Structure formats: structure tokens, C-alpha cells
Amino acid sequence: QVQLVESGGGLVQAGGSLRLSCAASGRTFSSLYMGWFRQAPGKEREFVGKVNWSGGITYYADFVKGRFTISRDNAKNTVYLQMNSLKFEDTAVYYCAASRIATMNPTVRMDYWGQGTQVTVSS
């Protein structure tokens, strides 16, 4: 079992930055592929990005390319989502997720989920 706890959400003005963190406990973190997802009010949850076990490979949704960066620190059992140039439409609950399957495919089911952290971007 893996427990995921997100932090770092909050209120930011458009154009600003936030860094989300996701701390993992339980199963060996370094063997997991990690992803970030988000869900805006009234919308379905959508894929934001994913990182492989080492942090050497990342994959992003088109709408965040060039603005968001995922990284991980396996020594700290933590994955990060650095969000720059935030837009009003980035407002959502952001979820961290983990997968035991070694794939960057964004549609593959994730095995473990955090509780989410709210990000609100004011226009």
C-alpha cells in the first residue's frame, strides 16, 4: 500500500508560480511511476503529467508544456509539480498518483491517489 499526501496548493495571481509536493510512504517509492492530475469544478479529472521512476523521463499534457515541470527526489520519497505562468483556467484540485506499471502512457490506470490540493488562480 502507498499513501500519498499533497501540499503546496493555494491562491495565486495569474502569471504567478506555485510548487506542489507529494510525499509518499509505504511501498518503495523509487519503483513507482508518478503522475499529476487535476479536476476543475464541473469537469472531469484530467492528466497533467507523469515522471518515470528515476525522474529522467517526463511526459506532459499539451496545455502545460513549457509551463509545468515534474521532478522527484527518491531520497525524500517526494514528487514535485512546479507550475509557472499560471492561468485562471489552471484553477483545480490537483492530485498526485502512483502507478506500479512502468509506462508513460497517460491513460493507464494509476494505483494510488492522494487526497488532492486546491490551486486557485485569480485573474
N, C-alpha and C. Protein backbone atom coordinates (compact mmCIF):
# COMPACT_ATOMS: atom_id res chain seq x y z
N GLN A 1 0.84 -1.19 0.00
CA GLN A 1 0.00 0.00 0.00
C GLN A 1 0.88 1.24 0.00
N VAL A 2 0.42 2.27 -0.67
CA VAL A 2 1.15 3.54 -0.76
C VAL A 2 0.23 4.66 -0.32
N GLN A 3 0.73 5.50 0.55
CA GLN A 3 -0.02 6.68 0.96
C GLN A 3 0.62 7.92 0.33
N LEU A 4 -0.21 8.78 -0.23
CA LEU A 4 0.26 9.99 -0.90
C LEU A 4 -0.39 11.20 -0.26
N VAL A 5 0.42 12.21 0.05
CA VAL A 5 -0.10 13.42 0.66
C VAL A 5 0.43 14.62 -0.11
N GLU A 6 -0.48 15.37 -0.73
CA GLU A 6 -0.10 16.57 -1.47
C GLU A 6 -0.08 17.78 -0.55
N SER A 7 0.73 18.74 -0.92
CA SER A 7 0.77 20.02 -0.22
C SER A 7 1.26 21.09 -1.19
N GLY A 8 1.11 22.34 -0.78
CA GLY A 8 1.62 23.43 -1.58
C GLY A 8 0.60 24.20 -2.38
N GLY A 9 -0.64 23.75 -2.34
CA GLY A 9 -1.68 24.48 -3.06
C GLY A 9 -1.99 25.81 -2.39
N GLY A 10 -2.76 26.63 -3.09
CA GLY A 10 -3.14 27.92 -2.53
C GLY A 10 -3.68 28.84 -3.58
N LEU A 11 -3.73 30.11 -3.23
CA LEU A 11 -4.24 31.16 -4.11
C LEU A 11 -3.07 31.94 -4.70
N VAL A 12 -3.10 32.11 -6.00
CA VAL A 12 -2.02 32.83 -6.68
C VAL A 12 -2.61 33.67 -7.80
N GLN A 13 -1.97 34.76 -8.11
CA GLN A 13 -2.44 35.59 -9.21
C GLN A 13 -2.00 35.00 -10.55
N ALA A 14 -2.76 35.29 -11.56
CA ALA A 14 -2.38 34.85 -12.90
C ALA A 14 -0.98 35.34 -13.24
N GLY A 15 -0.21 34.45 -13.83
CA GLY A 15 1.18 34.76 -14.14
C GLY A 15 2.15 34.32 -13.06
N GLY A 16 1.63 33.97 -11.92
CA GLY A 16 2.46 33.56 -10.80
C GLY A 16 2.85 32.10 -10.85
N SER A 17 3.49 31.66 -9.78
CA SER A 17 4.01 30.29 -9.69
C SER A 17 3.64 29.64 -8.37
N LEU A 18 3.56 28.32 -8.42
CA LEU A 18 3.37 27.50 -7.23
C LEU A 18 4.15 26.21 -7.42
N ARG A 19 4.59 25.64 -6.32
CA ARG A 19 5.18 24.32 -6.39
C ARG A 19 4.41 23.38 -5.46
N LEU A 20 3.86 22.34 -6.05
CA LEU A 20 3.17 21.33 -5.28
C LEU A 20 4.13 20.20 -4.94
N SER A 21 3.92 19.63 -3.77
CA SER A 21 4.71 18.49 -3.34
C SER A 21 3.78 17.32 -3.06
N CYS A 22 4.31 16.14 -3.23
CA CYS A 22 3.55 14.93 -2.92
C CYS A 22 4.50 13.98 -2.19
N ALA A 23 4.24 13.77 -0.93
CA ALA A 23 5.06 12.88 -0.12
C ALA A 23 4.44 11.49 -0.10
N ALA A 24 5.29 10.50 -0.33
CA ALA A 24 4.81 9.12 -0.40
C ALA A 24 5.37 8.30 0.74
N SER A 25 4.58 7.38 1.20
CA SER A 25 5.04 6.43 2.22
C SER A 25 4.48 5.06 1.87
N GLY A 26 5.11 4.05 2.41
CA GLY A 26 4.67 2.70 2.13
C GLY A 26 5.61 1.98 1.18
N ARG A 27 5.04 1.50 0.09
CA ARG A 27 5.79 0.75 -0.92
C ARG A 27 7.00 1.54 -1.42
N THR A 28 8.01 0.89 -1.87
CA THR A 28 9.23 1.52 -2.36
C THR A 28 8.91 2.57 -3.41
N PHE A 29 9.16 3.80 -3.04
CA PHE A 29 8.80 4.94 -3.88
C PHE A 29 9.54 4.91 -5.21
N SER A 30 10.80 4.56 -5.17
CA SER A 30 11.62 4.66 -6.38
C SER A 30 11.21 3.68 -7.46
N SER A 31 10.35 2.73 -7.15
CA SER A 31 9.90 1.77 -8.15
C SER A 31 8.61 2.22 -8.84
N LEU A 32 8.05 3.32 -8.38
CA LEU A 32 6.76 3.79 -8.86
C LEU A 32 6.89 4.88 -9.92
N TYR A 33 6.03 4.83 -10.92
CA TYR A 33 5.85 5.94 -11.83
C TYR A 33 4.83 6.88 -11.18
N MET A 34 5.13 8.17 -11.22
CA MET A 34 4.29 9.14 -10.53
C MET A 34 3.63 10.08 -11.52
N GLY A 35 2.40 10.46 -11.20
CA GLY A 35 1.69 11.36 -12.08
C GLY A 35 0.97 12.45 -11.32
N TRP A 36 0.65 13.52 -12.03
CA TRP A 36 -0.19 14.59 -11.51
C TRP A 36 -1.42 14.71 -12.40
N PHE A 37 -2.54 14.89 -11.76
CA PHE A 37 -3.81 15.07 -12.43
C PHE A 37 -4.52 16.26 -11.80
N ARG A 38 -5.56 16.74 -12.46
CA ARG A 38 -6.32 17.84 -11.88
C ARG A 38 -7.78 17.72 -12.25
N GLN A 39 -8.61 18.32 -11.42
CA GLN A 39 -10.04 18.34 -11.69
C GLN A 39 -10.60 19.70 -11.34
N ALA A 40 -11.11 20.37 -12.35
CA ALA A 40 -11.74 21.68 -12.16
C ALA A 40 -13.22 21.48 -11.87
N PRO A 41 -13.84 22.47 -11.23
CA PRO A 41 -15.27 22.35 -10.92
C PRO A 41 -16.11 22.06 -12.16
N GLY A 42 -16.94 21.04 -12.06
CA GLY A 42 -17.82 20.70 -13.16
C GLY A 42 -17.16 19.99 -14.32
N LYS A 43 -15.90 19.65 -14.16
CA LYS A 43 -15.18 18.98 -15.25
C LYS A 43 -14.63 17.64 -14.79
N GLU A 44 -14.30 16.80 -15.74
CA GLU A 44 -13.70 15.52 -15.41
C GLU A 44 -12.22 15.71 -15.03
N ARG A 45 -11.74 14.76 -14.30
CA ARG A 45 -10.32 14.78 -13.95
C ARG A 45 -9.49 14.59 -15.22
N GLU A 46 -8.39 15.35 -15.31
CA GLU A 46 -7.56 15.26 -16.49
C GLU A 46 -6.09 15.08 -16.13
N PHE A 47 -5.39 14.48 -17.04
CA PHE A 47 -3.96 14.21 -16.88
C PHE A 47 -3.17 15.50 -17.04
N VAL A 48 -2.18 15.68 -16.15
CA VAL A 48 -1.29 16.85 -16.23
C VAL A 48 0.10 16.42 -16.69
N GLY A 49 0.65 15.42 -16.03
CA GLY A 49 1.99 14.98 -16.40
C GLY A 49 2.39 13.74 -15.62
N LYS A 50 3.50 13.16 -16.05
CA LYS A 50 3.96 11.92 -15.46
C LYS A 50 5.49 11.89 -15.46
N VAL A 51 6.05 11.16 -14.52
CA VAL A 51 7.50 11.03 -14.44
C VAL A 51 7.85 9.57 -14.18
N ASN A 52 8.93 9.12 -14.79
CA ASN A 52 9.30 7.72 -14.59
C ASN A 52 10.00 7.53 -13.25
N TRP A 53 10.43 6.32 -12.97
CA TRP A 53 10.93 6.01 -11.65
C TRP A 53 12.17 6.80 -11.27
N SER A 54 13.01 7.12 -12.25
CA SER A 54 14.27 7.80 -11.95
C SER A 54 14.14 9.32 -12.02
N GLY A 55 13.08 9.80 -12.65
CA GLY A 55 12.96 11.22 -12.89
C GLY A 55 13.55 11.66 -14.20
N GLY A 56 14.13 10.75 -14.93
CA GLY A 56 14.80 11.09 -16.17
C GLY A 56 13.89 11.26 -17.37
N ILE A 57 12.67 10.77 -17.25
CA ILE A 57 11.71 10.88 -18.35
C ILE A 57 10.43 11.50 -17.82
N THR A 58 9.95 12.50 -18.51
CA THR A 58 8.70 13.14 -18.16
C THR A 58 7.81 13.26 -19.40
N TYR A 59 6.53 13.36 -19.14
CA TYR A 59 5.56 13.49 -20.22
C TYR A 59 4.45 14.40 -19.73
N TYR A 60 4.04 15.36 -20.58
CA TYR A 60 3.08 16.36 -20.15
C TYR A 60 1.90 16.48 -21.10
N ALA A 61 0.80 16.89 -20.54
CA ALA A 61 -0.33 17.26 -21.38
C ALA A 61 0.04 18.52 -22.15
N ASP A 62 -0.53 18.65 -23.33
CA ASP A 62 -0.17 19.78 -24.19
C ASP A 62 -0.42 21.13 -23.52
N PHE A 63 -1.45 21.22 -22.72
CA PHE A 63 -1.83 22.52 -22.17
C PHE A 63 -0.87 23.00 -21.07
N VAL A 64 0.06 22.16 -20.63
CA VAL A 64 1.01 22.60 -19.60
C VAL A 64 2.46 22.60 -20.08
N LYS A 65 2.67 22.14 -21.29
CA LYS A 65 4.04 22.08 -21.80
C LYS A 65 4.69 23.46 -21.81
N GLY A 66 5.88 23.51 -21.26
CA GLY A 66 6.60 24.77 -21.19
C GLY A 66 6.29 25.59 -19.96
N ARG A 67 5.24 25.19 -19.24
CA ARG A 67 4.87 25.95 -18.04
C ARG A 67 5.05 25.12 -16.76
N PHE A 68 4.75 23.84 -16.83
CA PHE A 68 4.83 22.97 -15.66
C PHE A 68 6.00 22.01 -15.79
N THR A 69 6.60 21.68 -14.65
CA THR A 69 7.70 20.73 -14.63
C THR A 69 7.52 19.76 -13.47
N ILE A 70 7.63 18.49 -13.78
CA ILE A 70 7.57 17.45 -12.75
C ILE A 70 8.98 16.98 -12.44
N SER A 71 9.25 16.82 -11.17
CA SER A 71 10.53 16.26 -10.74
C SER A 71 10.29 15.39 -9.53
N ARG A 72 11.30 14.63 -9.17
CA ARG A 72 11.15 13.77 -8.00
C ARG A 72 12.49 13.65 -7.27
N ASP A 73 12.37 13.41 -5.99
CA ASP A 73 13.54 13.18 -5.15
C ASP A 73 13.31 11.84 -4.45
N ASN A 74 13.91 10.80 -4.95
CA ASN A 74 13.66 9.47 -4.39
C ASN A 74 14.22 9.33 -2.98
N ALA A 75 15.21 10.12 -2.66
CA ALA A 75 15.76 10.07 -1.30
C ALA A 75 14.76 10.62 -0.29
N LYS A 76 13.89 11.51 -0.76
CA LYS A 76 12.88 12.11 0.12
C LYS A 76 11.49 11.54 -0.11
N ASN A 77 11.39 10.56 -1.00
CA ASN A 77 10.08 9.96 -1.33
C ASN A 77 9.06 11.04 -1.71
N THR A 78 9.50 11.97 -2.53
CA THR A 78 8.65 13.11 -2.87
C THR A 78 8.71 13.41 -4.36
N VAL A 79 7.56 13.75 -4.90
CA VAL A 79 7.47 14.22 -6.28
C VAL A 79 6.91 15.63 -6.26
N TYR A 80 7.37 16.43 -7.21
CA TYR A 80 7.02 17.84 -7.24
C TYR A 80 6.35 18.22 -8.56
N LEU A 81 5.53 19.24 -8.48
CA LEU A 81 4.96 19.84 -9.69
C LEU A 81 5.20 21.34 -9.60
N GLN A 82 6.16 21.82 -10.37
CA GLN A 82 6.45 23.25 -10.43
C GLN A 82 5.56 23.86 -11.51
N MET A 83 4.76 24.81 -11.11
CA MET A 83 3.81 25.43 -12.03
C MET A 83 4.15 26.91 -12.20
N ASN A 84 4.48 27.30 -13.39
CA ASN A 84 4.83 28.69 -13.71
C ASN A 84 3.81 29.25 -14.70
N SER A 85 3.80 30.56 -14.80
CA SER A 85 2.90 31.25 -15.74
C SER A 85 1.47 30.74 -15.61
N LEU A 86 1.01 30.68 -14.38
CA LEU A 86 -0.31 30.13 -14.13
C LEU A 86 -1.41 30.97 -14.75
N LYS A 87 -2.43 30.28 -15.21
CA LYS A 87 -3.58 30.92 -15.83
C LYS A 87 -4.83 30.64 -15.01
N PHE A 88 -5.83 31.44 -15.21
CA PHE A 88 -7.08 31.26 -14.49
C PHE A 88 -7.61 29.84 -14.70
N GLU A 89 -7.48 29.34 -15.93
CA GLU A 89 -8.01 28.01 -16.24
C GLU A 89 -7.20 26.87 -15.62
N ASP A 90 -6.12 27.18 -14.94
CA ASP A 90 -5.38 26.15 -14.19
C ASP A 90 -6.00 25.91 -12.82
N THR A 91 -7.00 26.69 -12.47
CA THR A 91 -7.68 26.51 -11.19
C THR A 91 -8.32 25.13 -11.14
N ALA A 92 -7.96 24.36 -10.10
CA ALA A 92 -8.45 22.98 -9.99
C ALA A 92 -7.92 22.38 -8.69
N VAL A 93 -8.46 21.22 -8.37
CA VAL A 93 -7.84 20.38 -7.34
C VAL A 93 -6.81 19.52 -8.04
N TYR A 94 -5.61 19.54 -7.53
CA TYR A 94 -4.51 18.79 -8.14
C TYR A 94 -4.24 17.54 -7.30
N TYR A 95 -4.16 16.42 -8.01
CA TYR A 95 -3.96 15.13 -7.37
C TYR A 95 -2.63 14.51 -7.80
N CYS A 96 -1.99 13.93 -6.84
CA CYS A 96 -0.80 13.12 -7.08
C CYS A 96 -1.26 11.66 -7.15
N ALA A 97 -0.62 10.90 -8.02
CA ALA A 97 -0.97 9.50 -8.16
C ALA A 97 0.27 8.67 -8.45
N ALA A 98 0.20 7.39 -8.13
CA ALA A 98 1.33 6.50 -8.32
C ALA A 98 0.89 5.25 -9.06
N SER A 99 1.78 4.74 -9.88
CA SER A 99 1.48 3.54 -10.64
C SER A 99 2.61 2.53 -10.50
N ARG A 100 2.22 1.27 -10.37
CA ARG A 100 3.20 0.18 -10.35
C ARG A 100 3.58 -0.25 -11.76
N ILE A 101 2.89 0.29 -12.75
CA ILE A 101 3.14 -0.08 -14.14
C ILE A 101 4.13 0.91 -14.74
N ALA A 102 5.18 0.38 -15.35
CA ALA A 102 6.25 1.21 -15.90
C ALA A 102 5.89 1.66 -17.32
N THR A 103 5.07 2.69 -17.39
CA THR A 103 4.68 3.25 -18.66
C THR A 103 4.42 4.73 -18.52
N MET A 104 4.70 5.50 -19.56
CA MET A 104 4.41 6.93 -19.57
C MET A 104 3.04 7.18 -20.19
N ASN A 105 2.35 6.15 -20.58
CA ASN A 105 1.01 6.29 -21.16
C ASN A 105 0.09 6.97 -20.16
N PRO A 106 -0.46 8.12 -20.51
CA PRO A 106 -1.29 8.87 -19.55
C PRO A 106 -2.65 8.23 -19.27
N THR A 107 -3.04 7.27 -20.08
CA THR A 107 -4.36 6.66 -19.90
C THR A 107 -4.32 5.41 -19.03
N VAL A 108 -3.14 4.95 -18.69
CA VAL A 108 -3.02 3.75 -17.87
C VAL A 108 -3.49 4.05 -16.46
N ARG A 109 -4.23 3.14 -15.92
CA ARG A 109 -4.78 3.31 -14.58
C ARG A 109 -3.68 3.50 -13.54
N MET A 110 -3.91 4.48 -12.67
CA MET A 110 -3.00 4.70 -11.55
C MET A 110 -3.51 3.91 -10.35
N ASP A 111 -2.56 3.41 -9.55
CA ASP A 111 -2.94 2.50 -8.47
C ASP A 111 -3.24 3.21 -7.15
N TYR A 112 -2.60 4.34 -6.92
CA TYR A 112 -2.75 5.03 -5.64
C TYR A 112 -2.95 6.52 -5.89
N TRP A 113 -3.78 7.12 -5.06
CA TRP A 113 -4.12 8.53 -5.21
C TRP A 113 -4.00 9.28 -3.89
N GLY A 114 -3.60 10.54 -3.98
CA GLY A 114 -3.65 11.41 -2.82
C GLY A 114 -5.02 12.03 -2.68
N GLN A 115 -5.16 12.87 -1.67
CA GLN A 115 -6.46 13.47 -1.39
C GLN A 115 -6.68 14.76 -2.17
N GLY A 116 -5.63 15.28 -2.77
CA GLY A 116 -5.74 16.48 -3.58
C GLY A 116 -5.41 17.75 -2.82
N THR A 117 -5.00 18.76 -3.57
CA THR A 117 -4.73 20.08 -3.00
C THR A 117 -5.29 21.13 -3.96
N GLN A 118 -5.94 22.13 -3.40
CA GLN A 118 -6.62 23.12 -4.21
C GLN A 118 -5.63 24.18 -4.71
N VAL A 119 -5.71 24.46 -5.99
CA VAL A 119 -4.96 25.56 -6.59
C VAL A 119 -5.97 26.52 -7.20
N THR A 120 -5.91 27.75 -6.78
CA THR A 120 -6.82 28.77 -7.29
C THR A 120 -6.01 29.90 -7.88
N VAL A 121 -6.27 30.20 -9.14
CA VAL A 121 -5.57 31.27 -9.84
C VAL A 121 -6.55 32.40 -10.08
N SER A 122 -6.21 33.55 -9.55
CA SER A 122 -7.09 34.71 -9.73
C SER A 122 -6.69 35.47 -10.99
N SER A 123 -7.70 35.93 -11.69
CA SER A 123 -7.43 36.62 -12.97
C SER A 123 -7.22 38.10 -12.76
